[in-house]
Every structure is written in C-alpha cells, then in structure tokens.
C-alpha atoms as a PDB file:
ATOM      1  CA  MET A   1     -17.140  -3.925  10.925  1.00  0.00           C
ATOM      2  CA  HIS A   2     -16.700  -7.514   9.720  1.00  0.00           C
ATOM      3  CA  ASN A   3     -19.441  -9.558   8.054  1.00  0.00           C
ATOM      4  CA  THR A   4     -21.353  -6.485   6.920  1.00  0.00           C
ATOM      5  CA  ASN A   5     -22.125  -5.467   3.377  1.00  0.00           C
ATOM      6  CA  ARG A   6     -19.860  -2.534   2.543  1.00  0.00           C
ATOM      7  CA  ARG A   7     -20.084  -2.550  -1.221  1.00  0.00           C
ATOM      8  CA  ALA A   8     -20.575   0.733  -3.014  1.00  0.00           C
ATOM      9  CA  GLU A   9     -21.133   1.120  -6.719  1.00  0.00           C
ATOM     10  CA  VAL A  10     -18.882   3.871  -8.029  1.00  0.00           C
ATOM     11  CA  PRO A  11     -19.699   4.722 -11.629  1.00  0.00           C
ATOM     12  CA  ARG A  12     -16.725   5.789 -13.690  1.00  0.00           C
ATOM     13  CA  ARG A  13     -17.367   8.037 -16.628  1.00  0.00           C
ATOM     14  CA  GLN A  14     -15.984   7.000 -19.987  1.00  0.00           C
ATOM     15  CA  PHE A  15     -14.749   9.421 -22.581  1.00  0.00           C
ATOM     16  CA  HIS A  16     -14.298   8.783 -26.283  1.00  0.00           C
ATOM     17  CA  CYS A  17     -11.119  10.065 -27.928  1.00  0.00           C
ATOM     18  CA  GLN A  18     -11.837  11.390 -31.411  1.00  0.00           C
ATOM     19  CA  LYS A  19      -8.187  11.013 -32.475  1.00  0.00           C
ATOM     20  CA  CYS A  20      -7.496   7.398 -31.526  1.00  0.00           C
ATOM     21  CA  GLN A  21     -11.131   6.219 -31.387  1.00  0.00           C
ATOM     22  CA  LYS A  22     -10.609   4.628 -27.947  1.00  0.00           C
ATOM     23  CA  TYR A  23     -12.664   4.880 -24.782  1.00  0.00           C
ATOM     24  CA  ILE A  24     -10.870   6.182 -21.706  1.00  0.00           C
ATOM     25  CA  SER A  25     -12.176   5.538 -18.181  1.00  0.00           C
ATOM     26  CA  GLU A  26     -12.183   8.269 -15.577  1.00  0.00           C
ATOM     27  CA  ARG A  27      -9.411   7.953 -12.989  1.00  0.00           C
ATOM     28  CA  LEU A  28     -10.440   8.270  -9.354  1.00  0.00           C
ATOM     29  CA  SER A  29      -7.920   9.233  -6.672  1.00  0.00           C
ATOM     30  CA  PHE A  30      -9.371   6.781  -4.141  1.00  0.00           C
ATOM     31  CA  MET A  31      -9.479   3.711  -6.439  1.00  0.00           C
ATOM     32  CA  ARG A  32      -6.947   1.969  -8.626  1.00  0.00           C
ATOM     33  CA  LEU A  33      -7.803   1.649 -12.307  1.00  0.00           C
ATOM     34  CA  ARG A  34      -9.817  -1.498 -13.175  1.00  0.00           C
ATOM     35  CA  GLN A  35     -10.344  -2.354  -9.493  1.00  0.00           C
ATOM     36  CA  HIS A  36     -13.564  -2.599  -7.510  1.00  0.00           C
ATOM     37  CA  HIS A  37     -12.220  -1.706  -4.054  1.00  0.00           C
ATOM     38  CA  THR A  38     -11.048   1.588  -2.617  1.00  0.00           C
ATOM     39  CA  ILE A  39      -7.380   2.000  -1.762  1.00  0.00           C
ATOM     40  CA  ARG A  40      -8.361   2.420   1.883  1.00  0.00           C
ATOM     41  CA  TYR A  41     -10.288  -0.883   1.882  1.00  0.00           C
ATOM     42  CA  GLU A  42      -7.339  -2.656   0.248  1.00  0.00           C
ATOM     43  CA  SER A  43      -5.026  -1.236   2.926  1.00  0.00           C
ATOM     44  CA  MET A  44      -7.347  -2.572   5.623  1.00  0.00           C
ATOM     45  CA  ILE A  45      -7.326  -6.031   3.987  1.00  0.00           C
ATOM     46  CA  TYR A  46      -3.510  -5.915   3.825  1.00  0.00           C
ATOM     47  CA  GLU A  47      -3.204  -5.061   7.536  1.00  0.00           C
ATOM     48  CA  ARG A  48      -5.650  -7.801   8.522  1.00  0.00           C
ATOM     49  CA  VAL A  49      -3.872 -10.450   6.431  1.00  0.00           C
ATOM     50  CA  LYS A  50      -0.640  -9.678   8.304  1.00  0.00           C
ATOM     51  CA  ASN A  51      -2.341 -10.935  11.501  1.00  0.00           C
ATOM     52  CA  CYS A  52      -4.721 -13.620  10.145  1.00  0.00           C
ATOM     53  CA  SER A  53      -4.857 -16.129   7.327  1.00  0.00           C
ATOM     54  CA  ILE A  54      -5.979 -15.239   3.817  1.00  0.00           C
ATOM     55  CA  GLU A  55      -8.687 -17.898   4.141  1.00  0.00           C
ATOM     56  CA  GLU A  56     -10.091 -16.270   7.275  1.00  0.00           C
ATOM     57  CA  ILE A  57     -10.136 -12.778   5.740  1.00  0.00           C
ATOM     58  CA  SER A  58     -11.707 -13.991   2.485  1.00  0.00           C
ATOM     59  CA  ARG A  59     -14.472 -15.745   4.448  1.00  0.00           C
ATOM     60  CA  GLU A  60     -15.130 -12.737   6.722  1.00  0.00           C
ATOM     61  CA  GLU A  61     -15.107 -10.200   3.878  1.00  0.00           C
ATOM     62  CA  GLY A  62     -16.936 -12.326   1.322  1.00  0.00           C
ATOM     63  CA  LEU A  63     -14.029 -12.151  -1.131  1.00  0.00           C
ATOM     64  CA  GLY A  64     -12.337 -14.947  -3.036  1.00  0.00           C
ATOM     65  CA  TRP A  65      -9.034 -16.327  -1.753  1.00  0.00           C
ATOM     66  CA  GLU A  66      -7.253 -15.222  -4.951  1.00  0.00           C
ATOM     67  CA  GLU A  67      -8.703 -11.716  -4.679  1.00  0.00           C
ATOM     68  CA  VAL A  68      -7.407 -11.295  -1.117  1.00  0.00           C
ATOM     69  CA  GLN A  69      -4.005 -12.662  -2.205  1.00  0.00           C
ATOM     70  CA  LEU A  70      -3.842 -10.179  -5.112  1.00  0.00           C
ATOM     71  CA  ILE A  71      -4.779  -7.259  -2.839  1.00  0.00           C
ATOM     72  CA  PHE A  72      -2.134  -8.307  -0.301  1.00  0.00           C
ATOM     73  CA  ASN A  73       0.577  -8.687  -2.969  1.00  0.00           C
ATOM     74  CA  HIS A  74      -0.252  -5.325  -4.553  1.00  0.00           C
ATOM     75  CA  CYS A  75      -0.176  -3.461  -1.218  1.00  0.00           C
ATOM     76  CA  ALA A  76       3.085  -5.168  -0.231  1.00  0.00           C
ATOM     77  CA  LYS A  77       4.653  -4.128  -3.548  1.00  0.00           C
ATOM     78  CA  GLU A  78       3.484  -0.524  -3.113  1.00  0.00           C
ATOM     79  CA  LEU A  79       4.898  -0.354   0.428  1.00  0.00           C
ATOM     80  CA  GLU A  80       8.176  -1.813  -0.787  1.00  0.00           C
ATOM     81  CA  LYS A  81       8.432   0.974  -3.379  1.00  0.00           C
ATOM     82  CA  GLU A  82       7.738   3.638  -0.755  1.00  0.00           C
ATOM     83  CA  GLU A  83      10.165   2.206   1.779  1.00  0.00           C
ATOM     84  CA  TRP A  84      13.123   2.007  -0.593  1.00  0.00           C
ATOM     85  CA  GLU A  85      13.016   5.383  -2.283  1.00  0.00           C
ATOM     86  CA  ALA A  86      16.382   7.090  -2.003  1.00  0.00           C
ATOM     87  CA  PRO A  87      16.281  10.024   0.420  1.00  0.00           C
ATOM     88  CA  GLU A  88      17.274  13.452  -0.835  1.00  0.00           C
ATOM     89  CA  ARG A  89      18.967  14.519   2.408  1.00  0.00           C
ATOM     90  CA  ILE A  90      20.409  12.321   5.151  1.00  0.00           C
ATOM     91  CA  SER A  91      22.093  12.873   8.476  1.00  0.00           C
ATOM     92  CA  LEU A  92      24.861  10.626   9.809  1.00  0.00           C
ATOM     93  CA  ASP A  93      25.762  10.328  13.473  1.00  0.00           C
ATOM     94  CA  GLU A  94      28.319   8.080  15.087  1.00  0.00           C
ATOM     95  CA  PHE A  95      28.578   7.324  18.783  1.00  0.00           C
ATOM     96  CA  SER A  96      30.441   4.908  21.023  1.00  0.00           C
ATOM     97  CA  HIS A  97      28.529   1.792  22.016  1.00  0.00           C
ATOM     98  CA  LEU A  98      30.342   1.569  25.354  1.00  0.00           C
ATOM     99  CA  LYS A  99      32.191   4.433  26.974  1.00  0.00           C
ATOM    100  CA  GLY A 100      35.930   4.164  26.371  1.00  0.00           C
ATOM    101  CA  HIS A 101      35.607   1.451  23.734  1.00  0.00           C
ATOM    102  CA  LYS A 102      36.225   1.796  20.042  1.00  0.00           C
ATOM    103  CA  ASP A 103      32.976   0.087  19.077  1.00  0.00           C
ATOM    104  CA  PHE A 104      30.921   2.695  17.260  1.00  0.00           C
ATOM    105  CA  ILE A 105      27.323   2.693  16.139  1.00  0.00           C
ATOM    106  CA  THR A 106      26.322   4.742  13.116  1.00  0.00           C
ATOM    107  CA  THR A 107      22.809   6.092  12.656  1.00  0.00           C
ATOM    108  CA  VAL A 108      21.457   7.263   9.327  1.00  0.00           C
ATOM    109  CA  VAL A 109      18.357   9.484   9.328  1.00  0.00           C
ATOM    110  CA  ASP A 110      16.232  10.640   6.392  1.00  0.00           C
ATOM    111  CA  LEU A 111      15.856  14.349   7.178  1.00  0.00           C
ATOM    112  CA  GLU A 112      12.625  14.683   5.170  1.00  0.00           C
ATOM    113  CA  LYS A 113      10.726  11.747   6.706  1.00  0.00           C
ATOM    114  CA  LYS A 114      12.500  11.775  10.089  1.00  0.00           C
ATOM    115  CA  ILE A 115      13.168   8.024   9.959  1.00  0.00           C
END
C-alpha cells in the first residue's frame, strides 16, 4: 500500500448565492472542507505516525513534513473531542479489591458506548 500513487481528483461543485454574492463549495461527507485528502486517508496517516516518525511517513506517502504534522494534529484533536464528551447515562459499581478489606475499587461505565 505504501509508495503507490493513490491520489484522486474529487471535483467539488460551487454554487453562487444570489443574496450575498458569494461562492459556496459543496460539502462532501468523506472529506473535510478545503482539504485534499479523505478522512479515511487522514486517519490512516494518524495511525501510522503513532508508530513511526513524521519524516518516515512523509517520505513514504510523498507528503510534506508539515502536511503530515497538520493531519496528525487535526486527527488527535478530533479524537480528543470524541473521547471527552460527557455521557448521558452512566453506571457505577463498587467492589472490594481484596476480600475482607475495606479497599474498594469503583468502576464507571458509559451505558451508551459500553466503555
């Protein structure tokens, strides 16, 4: 999969607003606005950077160092948002760490995501 040309040109339609006289680009569910890579490709870059250096990934993918860094930072920020959303329903459970001791461990579970 590495070192192969995987570029695809995805034309975005532009629409002209008669009211405000501005051009609006079509939004695509699989690409972020004003970006040239699919969300799936960016996720793959993010996962690879976690195990290799940015330099190595940029060389293998034919991307600039800064571009790989920006992709990594964006994906990390998005994951951080997802991970810290407040759950709507939680379950609490408390159990003894050692039988007969008063050391308790509390578990908190998000009932929607099961984590």
